[in-house]
PDB file of N, CA and C in Angstrom:
ATOM      1  N   MET A   1     -93.941-101.527  46.687  1.00  0.00           N
ATOM      2  CA  MET A   1     -92.781-102.368  46.843  1.00  0.00           C
ATOM      3  C   MET A   1     -91.908-101.803  47.954  1.00  0.00           C
ATOM      4  N   LYS A   2     -91.479-102.659  48.832  1.00  0.00           N
ATOM      5  CA  LYS A   2     -90.543-102.258  49.877  1.00  0.00           C
ATOM      6  C   LYS A   2     -89.139-102.236  49.282  1.00  0.00           C
ATOM      7  N   ARG A   3     -88.451-101.121  49.369  1.00  0.00           N
ATOM      8  CA  ARG A   3     -87.118-100.964  48.781  1.00  0.00           C
ATOM      9  C   ARG A   3     -86.061-101.484  49.747  1.00  0.00           C
ATOM     10  N   SER A   4     -85.068-102.134  49.202  1.00  0.00           N
ATOM     11  CA  SER A   4     -83.999-102.674  50.031  1.00  0.00           C
ATOM     12  C   SER A   4     -82.739-102.811  49.182  1.00  0.00           C
ATOM     13  N   ALA A   5     -81.659-103.082  49.844  1.00  0.00           N
ATOM     14  CA  ALA A   5     -80.384-103.340  49.177  1.00  0.00           C
ATOM     15  C   ALA A   5     -79.636-104.378  50.000  1.00  0.00           C
ATOM     16  N   LYS A   6     -78.734-105.071  49.344  1.00  0.00           N
ATOM     17  CA  LYS A   6     -77.916-106.046  50.062  1.00  0.00           C
ATOM     18  C   LYS A   6     -76.490-105.966  49.552  1.00  0.00           C
ATOM     19  N   ALA A   7     -75.560-106.320  50.411  1.00  0.00           N
ATOM     20  CA  ALA A   7     -74.145-106.318  50.044  1.00  0.00           C
ATOM     21  C   ALA A   7     -73.459-107.491  50.737  1.00  0.00           C
ATOM     22  N   VAL A   8     -72.460-108.024  50.075  1.00  0.00           N
ATOM     23  CA  VAL A   8     -71.653-109.117  50.609  1.00  0.00           C
ATOM     24  C   VAL A   8     -70.194-108.751  50.413  1.00  0.00           C
ATOM     25  N   TRP A   9     -69.371-109.014  51.413  1.00  0.00           N
ATOM     26  CA  TRP A   9     -67.926-108.815  51.294  1.00  0.00           C
ATOM     27  C   TRP A   9     -67.251-110.135  51.611  1.00  0.00           C
ATOM     28  N   ASN A  10     -66.263-110.510  50.819  1.00  0.00           N
ATOM     29  CA  ASN A  10     -65.517-111.746  51.023  1.00  0.00           C
ATOM     30  C   ASN A  10     -64.032-111.448  51.086  1.00  0.00           C
ATOM     31  N   GLY A  11     -63.372-111.933  52.117  1.00  0.00           N
ATOM     32  CA  GLY A  11     -61.927-111.800  52.218  1.00  0.00           C
ATOM     33  C   GLY A  11     -61.480-110.605  53.024  1.00  0.00           C
ATOM     34  N   SER A  12     -60.183-110.364  52.970  1.00  0.00           N
ATOM     35  CA  SER A  12     -59.592-109.260  53.723  1.00  0.00           C
ATOM     36  C   SER A  12     -59.896-107.931  53.031  1.00  0.00           C
ATOM     37  N   ILE A  13     -59.638-106.846  53.730  1.00  0.00           N
ATOM     38  CA  ILE A  13     -59.963-105.529  53.193  1.00  0.00           C
ATOM     39  C   ILE A  13     -59.195-105.237  51.901  1.00  0.00           C
ATOM     40  N   LYS A  14     -57.924-105.564  51.835  1.00  0.00           N
ATOM     41  CA  LYS A  14     -57.130-105.226  50.645  1.00  0.00           C
ATOM     42  C   LYS A  14     -57.237-106.259  49.532  1.00  0.00           C
ATOM     43  N   ASP A  15     -57.404-107.522  49.874  1.00  0.00           N
ATOM     44  CA  ASP A  15     -57.420-108.567  48.856  1.00  0.00           C
ATOM     45  C   ASP A  15     -58.814-109.087  48.540  1.00  0.00           C
ATOM     46  N   GLY A  16     -59.791-108.712  49.328  1.00  0.00           N
ATOM     47  CA  GLY A  16     -61.135-109.221  49.135  1.00  0.00           C
ATOM     48  C   GLY A  16     -61.918-108.437  48.095  1.00  0.00           C
ATOM     49  N   SER A  17     -63.168-108.836  47.965  1.00  0.00           N
ATOM     50  CA  SER A  17     -64.069-108.124  47.067  1.00  0.00           C
ATOM     51  C   SER A  17     -65.490-108.362  47.538  1.00  0.00           C
ATOM     52  N   GLY A  18     -66.383-107.552  47.019  1.00  0.00           N
ATOM     53  CA  GLY A  18     -67.769-107.680  47.413  1.00  0.00           C
ATOM     54  C   GLY A  18     -68.685-107.449  46.240  1.00  0.00           C
ATOM     55  N   SER A  19     -69.952-107.653  46.493  1.00  0.00           N
ATOM     56  CA  SER A  19     -70.968-107.365  45.490  1.00  0.00           C
ATOM     57  C   SER A  19     -72.197-106.827  46.191  1.00  0.00           C
ATOM     58  N   PHE A  20     -73.006-106.101  45.440  1.00  0.00           N
ATOM     59  CA  PHE A  20     -74.224-105.534  46.008  1.00  0.00           C
ATOM     60  C   PHE A  20     -75.308-105.510  44.954  1.00  0.00           C
ATOM     61  N   GLY A  21     -76.524-105.330  45.423  1.00  0.00           N
ATOM     62  CA  GLY A  21     -77.665-105.226  44.534  1.00  0.00           C
ATOM     63  C   GLY A  21     -78.849-104.645  45.273  1.00  0.00           C
ATOM     64  N   THR A  22     -79.896-104.361  44.540  1.00  0.00           N
ATOM     65  CA  THR A  22     -81.104-103.800  45.136  1.00  0.00           C
ATOM     66  C   THR A  22     -82.241-104.805  45.037  1.00  0.00           C
ATOM     67  N   GLY A  23     -83.169-104.700  45.979  1.00  0.00           N
ATOM     68  CA  GLY A  23     -84.323-105.587  45.997  1.00  0.00           C
ATOM     69  C   GLY A  23     -85.188-105.466  44.760  1.00  0.00           C
ATOM     70  N   SER A  24     -85.213-104.291  44.144  1.00  0.00           N
ATOM     71  CA  SER A  24     -86.020-104.081  42.944  1.00  0.00           C
ATOM     72  C   SER A  24     -85.418-104.774  41.727  1.00  0.00           C
ATOM     73  N   GLY A  25     -84.127-105.113  41.805  1.00  0.00           N
ATOM     74  CA  GLY A  25     -83.439-105.709  40.676  1.00  0.00           C
ATOM     75  C   GLY A  25     -82.841-104.690  39.721  1.00  0.00           C
ATOM     76  N   ALA A  26     -83.022-103.400  40.000  1.00  0.00           N
ATOM     77  CA  ALA A  26     -82.474-102.358  39.124  1.00  0.00           C
ATOM     78  C   ALA A  26     -80.952-102.399  39.102  1.00  0.00           C
ATOM     79  N   ILE A  27     -80.343-102.777  40.205  1.00  0.00           N
ATOM     80  CA  ILE A  27     -78.892-102.957  40.289  1.00  0.00           C
ATOM     81  C   ILE A  27     -78.665-104.384  40.773  1.00  0.00           C
ATOM     82  N   GLN A  28     -77.892-105.141  40.020  1.00  0.00           N
ATOM     83  CA  GLN A  28     -77.668-106.538  40.373  1.00  0.00           C
ATOM     84  C   GLN A  28     -76.194-106.898  40.267  1.00  0.00           C
ATOM     85  N   ASN A  29     -75.715-107.618  41.261  1.00  0.00           N
ATOM     86  CA  ASN A  29     -74.369-108.204  41.235  1.00  0.00           C
ATOM     87  C   ASN A  29     -73.276-107.240  40.798  1.00  0.00           C
ATOM     88  N   GLN A  30     -73.322-106.022  41.295  1.00  0.00           N
ATOM     89  CA  GLN A  30     -72.251-105.058  41.023  1.00  0.00           C
ATOM     90  C   GLN A  30     -71.114-105.332  41.999  1.00  0.00           C
ATOM     91  N   THR A  31     -69.904-105.376  41.499  1.00  0.00           N
ATOM     92  CA  THR A  31     -68.770-105.691  42.356  1.00  0.00           C
ATOM     93  C   THR A  31     -68.056-104.420  42.811  1.00  0.00           C
ATOM     94  N   TYR A  32     -67.385-104.548  43.938  1.00  0.00           N
ATOM     95  CA  TYR A  32     -66.557-103.468  44.458  1.00  0.00           C
ATOM     96  C   TYR A  32     -65.397-104.087  45.222  1.00  0.00           C
ATOM     97  N   SER A  33     -64.351-103.295  45.407  1.00  0.00           N
ATOM     98  CA  SER A  33     -63.147-103.791  46.070  1.00  0.00           C
ATOM     99  C   SER A  33     -62.404-102.624  46.703  1.00  0.00           C
ATOM    100  N   PHE A  34     -61.318-102.942  47.369  1.00  0.00           N
ATOM    101  CA  PHE A  34     -60.457-101.899  47.924  1.00  0.00           C
ATOM    102  C   PHE A  34     -59.987-100.978  46.802  1.00  0.00           C
ATOM    103  N   ARG A  35     -59.612-101.575  45.671  1.00  0.00           N
ATOM    104  CA  ARG A  35     -59.085-100.784  44.557  1.00  0.00           C
ATOM    105  C   ARG A  35     -60.152 -99.862  43.952  1.00  0.00           C
ATOM    106  N   THR A  36     -61.423-100.296  43.859  1.00  0.00           N
ATOM    107  CA  THR A  36     -62.450 -99.401  43.306  1.00  0.00           C
ATOM    108  C   THR A  36     -62.838 -98.331  44.308  1.00  0.00           C
ATOM    109  N   ARG A  37     -62.613 -98.607  45.574  1.00  0.00           N
ATOM    110  CA  ARG A  37     -62.980 -97.622  46.588  1.00  0.00           C
ATOM    111  C   ARG A  37     -61.872 -96.633  46.896  1.00  0.00           C
ATOM    112  N   PHE A  38     -60.644 -97.105  47.000  1.00  0.00           N
ATOM    113  CA  PHE A  38     -59.563 -96.237  47.468  1.00  0.00           C
ATOM    114  C   PHE A  38     -58.502 -95.932  46.410  1.00  0.00           C
ATOM    115  N   GLU A  39     -58.565 -96.609  45.281  1.00  0.00           N
ATOM    116  CA  GLU A  39     -57.629 -96.360  44.205  1.00  0.00           C
ATOM    117  C   GLU A  39     -58.441 -96.002  42.962  1.00  0.00           C
ATOM    118  N   ASP A  40     -57.865 -96.108  41.798  1.00  0.00           N
ATOM    119  CA  ASP A  40     -58.563 -95.701  40.577  1.00  0.00           C
ATOM    120  C   ASP A  40     -58.965 -96.863  39.685  1.00  0.00           C
ATOM    121  N   ALA A  41     -59.215 -98.011  40.265  1.00  0.00           N
ATOM    122  CA  ALA A  41     -59.637 -99.166  39.468  1.00  0.00           C
ATOM    123  C   ALA A  41     -61.043 -98.921  38.912  1.00  0.00           C
ATOM    124  N   PRO A  42     -61.323 -99.445  37.724  1.00  0.00           N
ATOM    125  CA  PRO A  42     -62.670 -99.296  37.156  1.00  0.00           C
ATOM    126  C   PRO A  42     -63.714 -99.957  38.052  1.00  0.00           C
ATOM    127  N   GLY A  43     -64.865 -99.359  38.125  1.00  0.00           N
ATOM    128  CA  GLY A  43     -65.949 -99.893  38.954  1.00  0.00           C
ATOM    129  C   GLY A  43     -66.476 -98.820  39.885  1.00  0.00           C
ATOM    130  N   THR A  44     -67.450 -99.190  40.676  1.00  0.00           N
ATOM    131  CA  THR A  44     -68.074 -98.227  41.575  1.00  0.00           C
ATOM    132  C   THR A  44     -67.627 -98.459  43.004  1.00  0.00           C
ATOM    133  N   ASN A  45     -68.144 -97.624  43.897  1.00  0.00           N
ATOM    134  CA  ASN A  45     -67.857 -97.757  45.328  1.00  0.00           C
ATOM    135  C   ASN A  45     -69.025 -97.140  46.099  1.00  0.00           C
ATOM    136  N   PRO A  46     -69.094 -97.393  47.406  1.00  0.00           N
ATOM    137  CA  PRO A  46     -70.216 -96.859  48.185  1.00  0.00           C
ATOM    138  C   PRO A  46     -70.356 -95.340  48.111  1.00  0.00           C
ATOM    139  N   GLU A  47     -69.242 -94.618  48.081  1.00  0.00           N
ATOM    140  CA  GLU A  47     -69.311 -93.153  48.032  1.00  0.00           C
ATOM    141  C   GLU A  47     -69.933 -92.662  46.730  1.00  0.00           C
ATOM    142  N   GLU A  48     -69.619 -93.317  45.630  1.00  0.00           N
ATOM    143  CA  GLU A  48     -70.201 -92.932  44.343  1.00  0.00           C
ATOM    144  C   GLU A  48     -71.714 -93.172  44.353  1.00  0.00           C
ATOM    145  N   LEU A  49     -72.134 -94.253  44.967  1.00  0.00           N
ATOM    146  CA  LEU A  49     -73.569 -94.550  45.052  1.00  0.00           C
ATOM    147  C   LEU A  49     -74.295 -93.526  45.923  1.00  0.00           C
ATOM    148  N   ILE A  50     -73.652 -93.092  46.995  1.00  0.00           N
ATOM    149  CA  ILE A  50     -74.236 -92.049  47.846  1.00  0.00           C
ATOM    150  C   ILE A  50     -74.367 -90.750  47.054  1.00  0.00           C
ATOM    151  N   ALA A  51     -73.345 -90.408  46.273  1.00  0.00           N
ATOM    152  CA  ALA A  51     -73.399 -89.189  45.447  1.00  0.00           C
ATOM    153  C   ALA A  51     -74.547 -89.279  44.447  1.00  0.00           C
ATOM    154  N   ALA A  52     -74.738 -90.440  43.838  1.00  0.00           N
ATOM    155  CA  ALA A  52     -75.838 -90.617  42.880  1.00  0.00           C
ATOM    156  C   ALA A  52     -77.192 -90.458  43.570  1.00  0.00           C
ATOM    157  N   ALA A  53     -77.311 -91.001  44.777  1.00  0.00           N
ATOM    158  CA  ALA A  53     -78.564 -90.876  45.523  1.00  0.00           C
ATOM    159  C   ALA A  53     -78.850 -89.420  45.879  1.00  0.00           C
ATOM    160  N   HIS A  54     -77.826 -88.697  46.318  1.00  0.00           N
ATOM    161  CA  HIS A  54     -78.010 -87.281  46.669  1.00  0.00           C
ATOM    162  C   HIS A  54     -78.396 -86.459  45.443  1.00  0.00           C
ATOM    163  N   ALA A  55     -77.715 -86.670  44.324  1.00  0.00           N
ATOM    164  CA  ALA A  55     -78.021 -85.913  43.110  1.00  0.00           C
ATOM    165  C   ALA A  55     -79.444 -86.211  42.637  1.00  0.00           C
ATOM    166  N   SER A  56     -79.854 -87.469  42.687  1.00  0.00           N
ATOM    167  CA  SER A  56     -81.212 -87.854  42.272  1.00  0.00           C
ATOM    168  C   SER A  56     -82.266 -87.214  43.169  1.00  0.00           C
ATOM    169  N   CYS A  57     -82.048 -87.303  44.467  1.00  0.00           N
ATOM    170  CA  CYS A  57     -82.995 -86.736  45.429  1.00  0.00           C
ATOM    171  C   CYS A  57     -83.116 -85.226  45.255  1.00  0.00           C
ATOM    172  N   PHE A  58     -81.970 -84.550  45.102  1.00  0.00           N
ATOM    173  CA  PHE A  58     -81.990 -83.099  44.940  1.00  0.00           C
ATOM    174  C   PHE A  58     -82.726 -82.696  43.666  1.00  0.00           C
ATOM    175  N   SER A  59     -82.487 -83.419  42.566  1.00  0.00           N
ATOM    176  CA  SER A  59     -83.161 -83.106  41.302  1.00  0.00           C
ATOM    177  C   SER A  59     -84.679 -83.201  41.445  1.00  0.00           C
ATOM    178  N   MET A  60     -85.129 -84.258  42.099  1.00  0.00           N
ATOM    179  CA  MET A  60     -86.575 -84.425  42.293  1.00  0.00           C
ATOM    180  C   MET A  60     -87.145 -83.337  43.199  1.00  0.00           C
ATOM    181  N   ALA A  61     -86.438 -83.028  44.280  1.00  0.00           N
ATOM    182  CA  ALA A  61     -86.914 -82.008  45.215  1.00  0.00           C
ATOM    183  C   ALA A  61     -86.962 -80.633  44.554  1.00  0.00           C
ATOM    184  N   LEU A  62     -85.932 -80.301  43.774  1.00  0.00           N
ATOM    185  CA  LEU A  62     -85.917 -79.013  43.081  1.00  0.00           C
ATOM    186  C   LEU A  62     -87.063 -78.936  42.080  1.00  0.00           C
ATOM    187  N   SER A  63     -87.290 -79.995  41.333  1.00  0.00           N
ATOM    188  CA  SER A  63     -88.397 -80.028  40.373  1.00  0.00           C
ATOM    189  C   SER A  63     -89.734 -79.829  41.080  1.00  0.00           C
ATOM    190  N   ALA A  64     -89.905 -80.464  42.240  1.00  0.00           N
ATOM    191  CA  ALA A  64     -91.150 -80.316  43.004  1.00  0.00           C
ATOM    192  C   ALA A  64     -91.334 -78.876  43.476  1.00  0.00           C
ATOM    193  N   GLN A  65     -90.269 -78.269  43.982  1.00  0.00           N
ATOM    194  CA  GLN A  65     -90.356 -76.892  44.466  1.00  0.00           C
ATOM    195  C   GLN A  65     -90.657 -75.925  43.318  1.00  0.00           C
ATOM    196  N   LEU A  66     -90.021 -76.125  42.183  1.00  0.00           N
ATOM    197  CA  LEU A  66     -90.307 -75.267  41.032  1.00  0.00           C
ATOM    198  C   LEU A  66     -91.751 -75.445  40.577  1.00  0.00           C
ATOM    199  N   GLY A  67     -92.228 -76.687  40.560  1.00  0.00           N
ATOM    200  CA  GLY A  67     -93.606 -76.963  40.163  1.00  0.00           C
ATOM    201  C   GLY A  67     -94.618 -76.291  41.076  1.00  0.00           C
ATOM    202  N   GLU A  68     -94.341 -76.257  42.371  1.00  0.00           N
ATOM    203  CA  GLU A  68     -95.225 -75.575  43.314  1.00  0.00           C
ATOM    204  C   GLU A  68     -95.291 -74.078  43.040  1.00  0.00           C
ATOM    205  N   ARG A  69     -94.284 -73.556  42.383  1.00  0.00           N
ATOM    206  CA  ARG A  69     -94.235 -72.128  42.035  1.00  0.00           C
ATOM    207  C   ARG A  69     -94.592 -71.891  40.569  1.00  0.00           C
ATOM    208  N   ARG A  70     -95.238 -72.894  39.975  1.00  0.00           N
ATOM    209  CA  ARG A  70     -95.720 -72.838  38.587  1.00  0.00           C
ATOM    210  C   ARG A  70     -94.618 -72.676  37.544  1.00  0.00           C
ATOM    211  N   HIS A  71     -93.462 -73.164  37.866  1.00  0.00           N
ATOM    212  CA  HIS A  71     -92.364 -73.253  36.907  1.00  0.00           C
ATOM    213  C   HIS A  71     -92.135 -74.742  36.687  1.00  0.00           C
ATOM    214  N   HIS A  72     -92.420 -75.198  35.495  1.00  0.00           N
ATOM    215  CA  HIS A  72     -92.332 -76.628  35.222  1.00  0.00           C
ATOM    216  C   HIS A  72     -91.106 -76.905  34.365  1.00  0.00           C
ATOM    217  N   PRO A  73     -90.021 -77.353  35.005  1.00  0.00           N
ATOM    218  CA  PRO A  73     -88.781 -77.560  34.260  1.00  0.00           C
ATOM    219  C   PRO A  73     -88.918 -78.712  33.271  1.00  0.00           C
ATOM    220  N   GLN A  74     -88.275 -78.557  32.147  1.00  0.00           N
ATOM    221  CA  GLN A  74     -88.219 -79.633  31.168  1.00  0.00           C
ATOM    222  C   GLN A  74     -87.182 -80.663  31.601  1.00  0.00           C
ATOM    223  N   SER A  75     -86.158 -80.187  32.285  1.00  0.00           N
ATOM    224  CA  SER A  75     -85.083 -81.062  32.722  1.00  0.00           C
ATOM    225  C   SER A  75     -84.364 -80.423  33.905  1.00  0.00           C
ATOM    226  N   VAL A  76     -83.943 -81.239  34.839  1.00  0.00           N
ATOM    227  CA  VAL A  76     -83.108 -80.788  35.956  1.00  0.00           C
ATOM    228  C   VAL A  76     -81.919 -81.737  36.010  1.00  0.00           C
ATOM    229  N   LYS A  77     -80.724 -81.199  35.966  1.00  0.00           N
ATOM    230  CA  LYS A  77     -79.525 -82.030  35.932  1.00  0.00           C
ATOM    231  C   LYS A  77     -78.607 -81.630  37.077  1.00  0.00           C
ATOM    232  N   GLN A  78     -78.130 -82.610  37.821  1.00  0.00           N
ATOM    233  CA  GLN A  78     -77.229 -82.363  38.949  1.00  0.00           C
ATOM    234  C   GLN A  78     -75.979 -83.194  38.785  1.00  0.00           C
ATOM    235  N   GLN A  79     -74.900 -82.724  39.368  1.00  0.00           N
ATOM    236  CA  GLN A  79     -73.681 -83.516  39.461  1.00  0.00           C
ATOM    237  C   GLN A  79     -73.161 -83.364  40.872  1.00  0.00           C
ATOM    238  N   ALA A  80     -73.014 -84.491  41.554  1.00  0.00           N
ATOM    239  CA  ALA A  80     -72.536 -84.467  42.934  1.00  0.00           C
ATOM    240  C   ALA A  80     -71.219 -85.223  43.019  1.00  0.00           C
ATOM    241  N   PRO A  81     -70.202 -84.623  43.604  1.00  0.00           N
ATOM    242  CA  PRO A  81     -68.950 -85.358  43.779  1.00  0.00           C
ATOM    243  C   PRO A  81     -69.113 -86.396  44.879  1.00  0.00           C
ATOM    244  N   SER A  82     -68.355 -87.464  44.791  1.00  0.00           N
ATOM    245  CA  SER A  82     -68.367 -88.462  45.866  1.00  0.00           C
ATOM    246  C   SER A  82     -67.794 -87.840  47.123  1.00  0.00           C
ATOM    247  N   PRO A  83     -68.300 -88.239  48.285  1.00  0.00           N
ATOM    248  CA  PRO A  83     -67.704 -87.750  49.539  1.00  0.00           C
ATOM    249  C   PRO A  83     -66.223 -88.108  49.595  1.00  0.00           C
ATOM    250  N   SER A  84     -65.486 -87.410  50.424  1.00  0.00           N
ATOM    251  CA  SER A  84     -64.043 -87.673  50.554  1.00  0.00           C
ATOM    252  C   SER A  84     -63.805 -89.112  50.970  1.00  0.00           C
ATOM    253  N   ARG A  85     -62.747 -89.653  50.433  1.00  0.00           N
ATOM    254  CA  ARG A  85     -62.374 -91.028  50.781  1.00  0.00           C
ATOM    255  C   ARG A  85     -61.221 -90.984  51.771  1.00  0.00           C
ATOM    256  N   THR A  86     -61.300 -91.826  52.785  1.00  0.00           N
ATOM    257  CA  THR A  86     -60.248 -91.940  53.773  1.00  0.00           C
ATOM    258  C   THR A  86     -59.409 -93.161  53.436  1.00  0.00           C
ATOM    259  N   ARG A  87     -58.137 -92.968  53.269  1.00  0.00           N
ATOM    260  CA  ARG A  87     -57.257 -94.115  52.962  1.00  0.00           C
ATOM    261  C   ARG A  87     -56.928 -94.866  54.249  1.00  0.00           C
ATOM    262  N   HIS A  88     -56.911 -96.157  54.141  1.00  0.00           N
ATOM    263  CA  HIS A  88     -56.596 -97.018  55.293  1.00  0.00           C
ATOM    264  C   HIS A  88     -55.206 -97.551  55.168  1.00  0.00           C
TER     265      HIS A  88
END
């Protein structure tokens, strides 16, 4: 399967909102806005998704490296903070 993602933004930066999803359907119609990105409104934002991707990738890579050294972890857990947000 070819992996992809799509996003749509409607309206102005402060009053608008957007939604995104993945081609696989694992994430569908998730909304985001200025408030979820730059304030503390409930919901996600692009930076949080990047942090999740980095933590997932690192966990898999660490597990692979340990496995090559004959250490087979039962679990690998990571926590990555979202990158810094720039206020507009």
